[in-house]
């Protein structure tokens, strides 16, 4: 056992928005956007959230618009 290595098989993450065929991310949907914002209020990066680059850009813009319209908070209390 002393020289053996264990390799874990990583599965490629599938973009949630591509899988559900969502073309437009609405900034008024605070519940959906809340999944991509942790306790501290930062936007999750692509490598953690598993979203493709196209939808990550739309998601970032939607979160910023929702913050500006006071739908979601800028920072957590």
N, C-alpha and C. Protein backbone atom coordinates (compact mmCIF):
# COMPACT_ATOMS: atom_id res chain seq x y z
N UNK A 1 0.80 -1.20 0.00
CA UNK A 1 0.00 0.00 0.00
C UNK A 1 0.84 1.26 0.00
N UNK A 2 2.10 1.15 0.38
CA UNK A 2 2.93 2.33 0.59
C UNK A 2 3.30 3.02 -0.72
N UNK A 3 3.20 2.52 -1.85
CA UNK A 3 3.61 3.22 -3.06
C UNK A 3 2.46 3.52 -4.00
N UNK A 4 1.26 3.20 -3.61
CA UNK A 4 0.13 3.33 -4.52
C UNK A 4 -0.50 4.72 -4.39
N UNK A 5 -0.96 5.21 -5.50
CA UNK A 5 -1.66 6.49 -5.53
C UNK A 5 -3.11 6.26 -5.91
N UNK A 6 -3.94 7.05 -5.33
CA UNK A 6 -5.36 6.96 -5.67
C UNK A 6 -5.73 8.13 -6.57
N UNK A 7 -6.35 7.81 -7.67
CA UNK A 7 -6.78 8.84 -8.60
C UNK A 7 -8.30 8.92 -8.57
N UNK A 8 -8.79 10.12 -8.37
CA UNK A 8 -10.24 10.29 -8.40
C UNK A 8 -10.65 10.79 -9.78
N UNK A 9 -11.75 10.31 -10.24
CA UNK A 9 -12.25 10.69 -11.55
C UNK A 9 -13.11 11.94 -11.36
N UNK A 10 -12.74 13.00 -12.07
CA UNK A 10 -13.50 14.24 -11.99
C UNK A 10 -14.46 14.31 -13.16
N UNK A 11 -15.71 14.60 -12.85
CA UNK A 11 -16.70 14.78 -13.90
C UNK A 11 -16.76 16.24 -14.28
N UNK A 12 -16.92 16.51 -15.56
CA UNK A 12 -17.02 17.88 -16.01
C UNK A 12 -18.36 18.45 -15.58
N UNK A 13 -18.33 19.63 -15.00
CA UNK A 13 -19.58 20.25 -14.58
C UNK A 13 -20.34 20.77 -15.77
N UNK A 14 -21.62 20.64 -15.72
CA UNK A 14 -22.48 21.12 -16.79
C UNK A 14 -23.11 22.43 -16.32
N UNK A 15 -23.11 23.41 -17.17
CA UNK A 15 -23.69 24.71 -16.84
C UNK A 15 -25.18 24.54 -16.56
N UNK A 16 -25.63 25.07 -15.44
CA UNK A 16 -27.03 24.94 -15.04
C UNK A 16 -27.96 25.62 -16.04
N UNK A 17 -27.53 26.76 -16.55
CA UNK A 17 -28.37 27.52 -17.49
C UNK A 17 -28.40 26.87 -18.87
N UNK A 18 -27.29 26.29 -19.29
CA UNK A 18 -27.27 25.58 -20.58
C UNK A 18 -28.12 24.31 -20.52
N UNK A 19 -28.06 23.62 -19.38
CA UNK A 19 -28.82 22.38 -19.23
C UNK A 19 -30.33 22.65 -19.26
N UNK A 20 -30.75 23.76 -18.65
CA UNK A 20 -32.17 24.11 -18.62
C UNK A 20 -32.58 24.99 -19.80
N UNK A 21 -31.63 25.26 -20.71
CA UNK A 21 -31.86 26.06 -21.92
C UNK A 21 -32.41 27.45 -21.59
N UNK A 22 -31.80 28.09 -20.58
CA UNK A 22 -32.17 29.46 -20.21
C UNK A 22 -31.30 30.40 -21.02
N UNK A 23 -31.93 31.28 -21.80
CA UNK A 23 -31.17 32.20 -22.64
C UNK A 23 -30.93 33.53 -21.95
N UNK A 24 -31.87 33.98 -21.11
CA UNK A 24 -31.75 35.27 -20.45
C UNK A 24 -31.87 35.07 -18.95
N UNK A 25 -30.91 35.61 -18.20
CA UNK A 25 -30.94 35.55 -16.74
C UNK A 25 -31.58 36.84 -16.25
N UNK A 26 -32.74 36.74 -15.66
CA UNK A 26 -33.51 37.90 -15.23
C UNK A 26 -32.99 38.42 -13.89
N UNK A 27 -32.71 39.72 -13.82
CA UNK A 27 -32.19 40.29 -12.58
C UNK A 27 -33.26 40.41 -11.50
N UNK A 28 -34.52 40.27 -11.86
CA UNK A 28 -35.60 40.37 -10.88
C UNK A 28 -35.83 39.07 -10.11
N UNK A 29 -35.18 38.00 -10.54
CA UNK A 29 -35.31 36.70 -9.88
C UNK A 29 -34.24 36.57 -8.79
N UNK A 30 -34.52 37.15 -7.63
CA UNK A 30 -33.56 37.17 -6.53
C UNK A 30 -33.25 35.80 -5.97
N UNK A 31 -34.22 34.90 -6.02
CA UNK A 31 -34.02 33.55 -5.49
C UNK A 31 -32.98 32.79 -6.33
N UNK A 32 -33.05 32.92 -7.63
CA UNK A 32 -32.09 32.27 -8.52
C UNK A 32 -30.70 32.87 -8.34
N UNK A 33 -30.61 34.17 -8.26
CA UNK A 33 -29.32 34.85 -8.12
C UNK A 33 -28.70 34.57 -6.76
N UNK A 34 -29.53 34.31 -5.76
CA UNK A 34 -29.03 34.04 -4.41
C UNK A 34 -28.19 32.79 -4.31
N UNK A 35 -28.38 31.85 -5.24
CA UNK A 35 -27.58 30.62 -5.24
C UNK A 35 -26.13 30.88 -5.62
N UNK A 36 -25.88 31.99 -6.30
CA UNK A 36 -24.53 32.30 -6.77
C UNK A 36 -23.85 33.37 -5.94
N UNK A 37 -24.43 33.68 -4.77
CA UNK A 37 -23.85 34.66 -3.86
C UNK A 37 -23.73 34.01 -2.48
N UNK A 38 -22.52 33.84 -1.95
CA UNK A 38 -22.36 33.24 -0.62
C UNK A 38 -22.69 34.24 0.49
N UNK A 39 -22.43 33.86 1.72
CA UNK A 39 -22.75 34.68 2.89
C UNK A 39 -22.15 36.08 2.83
N UNK A 40 -20.93 36.19 2.35
CA UNK A 40 -20.25 37.47 2.35
C UNK A 40 -20.76 38.43 1.28
N UNK A 41 -21.49 37.91 0.32
CA UNK A 41 -22.09 38.76 -0.69
C UNK A 41 -21.28 38.89 -1.98
N UNK A 42 -20.22 38.10 -2.13
CA UNK A 42 -19.43 38.15 -3.35
C UNK A 42 -20.04 37.24 -4.41
N UNK A 43 -19.70 37.50 -5.66
CA UNK A 43 -20.18 36.67 -6.77
C UNK A 43 -19.25 35.46 -6.89
N UNK A 44 -19.83 34.27 -6.94
CA UNK A 44 -19.02 33.06 -7.05
C UNK A 44 -18.32 33.00 -8.41
N UNK A 45 -17.06 32.58 -8.46
CA UNK A 45 -16.37 32.45 -9.75
C UNK A 45 -16.86 31.22 -10.52
N UNK A 46 -16.52 31.20 -11.78
CA UNK A 46 -16.95 30.11 -12.68
C UNK A 46 -16.49 28.75 -12.22
N UNK A 47 -15.25 28.66 -11.77
CA UNK A 47 -14.70 27.35 -11.41
C UNK A 47 -15.41 26.74 -10.22
N UNK A 48 -16.04 27.56 -9.40
CA UNK A 48 -16.78 27.04 -8.24
C UNK A 48 -18.26 26.84 -8.58
N UNK A 49 -18.85 27.81 -9.28
CA UNK A 49 -20.28 27.70 -9.58
C UNK A 49 -20.58 26.72 -10.70
N UNK A 50 -19.62 26.50 -11.61
CA UNK A 50 -19.83 25.55 -12.71
C UNK A 50 -20.62 26.12 -13.87
N UNK A 51 -20.68 27.43 -13.98
CA UNK A 51 -21.43 28.08 -15.05
C UNK A 51 -20.48 28.37 -16.21
N UNK A 52 -20.98 28.29 -17.45
CA UNK A 52 -20.14 28.59 -18.60
C UNK A 52 -19.84 30.08 -18.68
N UNK A 53 -18.88 30.45 -19.50
CA UNK A 53 -18.42 31.84 -19.55
C UNK A 53 -19.50 32.81 -20.02
N UNK A 54 -20.30 32.39 -21.00
CA UNK A 54 -21.37 33.25 -21.50
C UNK A 54 -22.38 33.55 -20.41
N UNK A 55 -22.81 32.52 -19.71
CA UNK A 55 -23.80 32.71 -18.66
C UNK A 55 -23.20 33.37 -17.43
N UNK A 56 -21.90 33.18 -17.19
CA UNK A 56 -21.26 33.85 -16.06
C UNK A 56 -21.29 35.36 -16.26
N UNK A 57 -21.05 35.82 -17.48
CA UNK A 57 -21.12 37.25 -17.76
C UNK A 57 -22.53 37.78 -17.57
N UNK A 58 -23.53 37.05 -18.05
CA UNK A 58 -24.92 37.46 -17.87
C UNK A 58 -25.31 37.43 -16.40
N UNK A 59 -24.82 36.44 -15.67
CA UNK A 59 -25.11 36.30 -14.25
C UNK A 59 -24.52 37.46 -13.46
N UNK A 60 -23.28 37.83 -13.77
CA UNK A 60 -22.63 38.95 -13.09
C UNK A 60 -23.39 40.24 -13.32
N UNK A 61 -23.79 40.47 -14.56
CA UNK A 61 -24.55 41.68 -14.90
C UNK A 61 -25.90 41.69 -14.18
N UNK A 62 -26.57 40.54 -14.12
CA UNK A 62 -27.87 40.45 -13.45
C UNK A 62 -27.73 40.69 -11.95
N UNK A 63 -26.67 40.17 -11.33
CA UNK A 63 -26.46 40.38 -9.90
C UNK A 63 -26.20 41.85 -9.62
N UNK A 64 -25.40 42.49 -10.46
CA UNK A 64 -25.10 43.92 -10.27
C UNK A 64 -26.35 44.77 -10.44
N UNK A 65 -27.20 44.42 -11.40
CA UNK A 65 -28.45 45.16 -11.59
C UNK A 65 -29.41 44.94 -10.42
N UNK A 66 -29.46 43.71 -9.93
CA UNK A 66 -30.33 43.40 -8.80
C UNK A 66 -29.87 44.12 -7.54
N UNK A 67 -28.58 44.24 -7.36
CA UNK A 67 -28.05 45.00 -6.22
C UNK A 67 -28.42 46.47 -6.33
N UNK A 68 -28.30 47.00 -7.52
CA UNK A 68 -28.61 48.41 -7.74
C UNK A 68 -30.09 48.70 -7.50
N UNK A 69 -30.95 47.75 -7.85
CA UNK A 69 -32.38 47.91 -7.65
C UNK A 69 -32.84 47.46 -6.27
N UNK A 70 -31.90 47.09 -5.40
CA UNK A 70 -32.17 46.67 -4.01
C UNK A 70 -32.98 45.39 -3.92
N UNK A 71 -32.83 44.50 -4.89
CA UNK A 71 -33.49 43.20 -4.84
C UNK A 71 -32.66 42.25 -3.97
N UNK A 72 -31.34 42.31 -4.10
CA UNK A 72 -30.44 41.56 -3.25
C UNK A 72 -29.46 42.54 -2.60
N UNK A 73 -28.95 42.23 -1.40
CA UNK A 73 -28.05 43.18 -0.72
C UNK A 73 -26.64 43.17 -1.32
N UNK A 74 -25.93 44.28 -1.12
CA UNK A 74 -24.54 44.36 -1.54
C UNK A 74 -23.66 43.47 -0.66
N UNK A 75 -23.85 43.58 0.65
CA UNK A 75 -23.10 42.77 1.62
C UNK A 75 -24.08 42.19 2.63
N UNK A 76 -23.67 41.09 3.26
CA UNK A 76 -24.51 40.49 4.29
C UNK A 76 -24.29 41.21 5.61
N UNK A 77 -25.27 41.17 6.47
CA UNK A 77 -25.14 41.83 7.78
C UNK A 77 -24.26 41.08 8.72
